[in-house]
Amino acid sequence: MTIPKIYLETTMFNFYHAPDGPGYRVLKGQVRQVFDLIKAGQFEP
């Protein structure tokens, strides 16, 4: 089985550590989900 490769745009790393203010909470959660999927072996960056 091959693991799908994904491209990580560099601004994603900024959102990982973004404050929980309005407009960032959703993006921060989405970015963390992507990194969790990578950690689980679902994707290869």
C-alpha atoms as a PDB file:
ATOM      1  CA  MET A   1       0.000   0.000   0.000  1.00  0.00           C
ATOM      2  CA  THR A   2       1.352   3.403  -0.919  1.00  0.00           C
ATOM      3  CA  ILE A   3       0.802   6.380   1.319  1.00  0.00           C
ATOM      4  CA  PRO A   4      -0.518   9.454  -0.514  1.00  0.00           C
ATOM      5  CA  LYS A   5       1.905  12.369  -0.579  1.00  0.00           C
ATOM      6  CA  ILE A   6       0.676  15.874   0.185  1.00  0.00           C
ATOM      7  CA  TYR A   7       2.219  19.300  -0.213  1.00  0.00           C
ATOM      8  CA  LEU A   8       2.406  21.432   2.930  1.00  0.00           C
ATOM      9  CA  GLU A   9       2.287  25.132   2.230  1.00  0.00           C
ATOM     10  CA  THR A  10       4.662  26.953   4.575  1.00  0.00           C
ATOM     11  CA  THR A  11       1.978  29.149   6.173  1.00  0.00           C
ATOM     12  CA  MET A  12       0.407  25.992   7.636  1.00  0.00           C
ATOM     13  CA  PHE A  13       3.142  25.950  10.264  1.00  0.00           C
ATOM     14  CA  ASN A  14       2.134  29.456  11.385  1.00  0.00           C
ATOM     15  CA  PHE A  15      -1.467  28.367  11.924  1.00  0.00           C
ATOM     16  CA  TYR A  16      -0.360  25.409  14.048  1.00  0.00           C
ATOM     17  CA  HIS A  17       0.792  27.858  16.733  1.00  0.00           C
ATOM     18  CA  ALA A  18      -1.750  30.624  16.043  1.00  0.00           C
ATOM     19  CA  PRO A  19      -3.632  32.246  18.916  1.00  0.00           C
ATOM     20  CA  ASP A  20      -7.180  31.080  19.597  1.00  0.00           C
ATOM     21  CA  GLY A  21      -8.643  34.389  18.479  1.00  0.00           C
ATOM     22  CA  PRO A  22     -11.525  34.828  16.054  1.00  0.00           C
ATOM     23  CA  GLY A  23     -10.689  33.636  12.581  1.00  0.00           C
ATOM     24  CA  TYR A  24      -7.809  31.476  13.735  1.00  0.00           C
ATOM     25  CA  ARG A  25      -9.558  28.851  15.859  1.00  0.00           C
ATOM     26  CA  VAL A  26     -11.036  26.980  12.866  1.00  0.00           C
ATOM     27  CA  LEU A  27      -7.856  27.187  10.781  1.00  0.00           C
ATOM     28  CA  LYS A  28      -5.728  26.082  13.713  1.00  0.00           C
ATOM     29  CA  GLY A  29      -7.974  23.056  14.245  1.00  0.00           C
ATOM     30  CA  GLN A  30      -7.874  22.101  10.573  1.00  0.00           C
ATOM     31  CA  VAL A  31      -4.092  22.359  10.389  1.00  0.00           C
ATOM     32  CA  ARG A  32      -3.708  20.260  13.536  1.00  0.00           C
ATOM     33  CA  GLN A  33      -5.975  17.613  11.979  1.00  0.00           C
ATOM     34  CA  VAL A  34      -3.694  17.441   8.937  1.00  0.00           C
ATOM     35  CA  PHE A  35      -0.638  16.987  11.145  1.00  0.00           C
ATOM     36  CA  ASP A  36      -2.449  14.325  13.178  1.00  0.00           C
ATOM     37  CA  LEU A  37      -3.215  12.424   9.954  1.00  0.00           C
ATOM     38  CA  ILE A  38       0.449  12.655   8.938  1.00  0.00           C
ATOM     39  CA  LYS A  39       1.495  11.384  12.364  1.00  0.00           C
ATOM     40  CA  ALA A  40      -0.979   8.485  12.028  1.00  0.00           C
ATOM     41  CA  GLY A  41       0.582   7.496   8.695  1.00  0.00           C
ATOM     42  CA  GLN A  42      -2.383   8.501   6.525  1.00  0.00           C
ATOM     43  CA  PHE A  43      -0.272  10.938   4.446  1.00  0.00           C
ATOM     44  CA  GLU A  44       3.377  11.545   3.674  1.00  0.00           C
ATOM     45  CA  PRO A  45       4.404  15.201   3.557  1.00  0.00           C
END
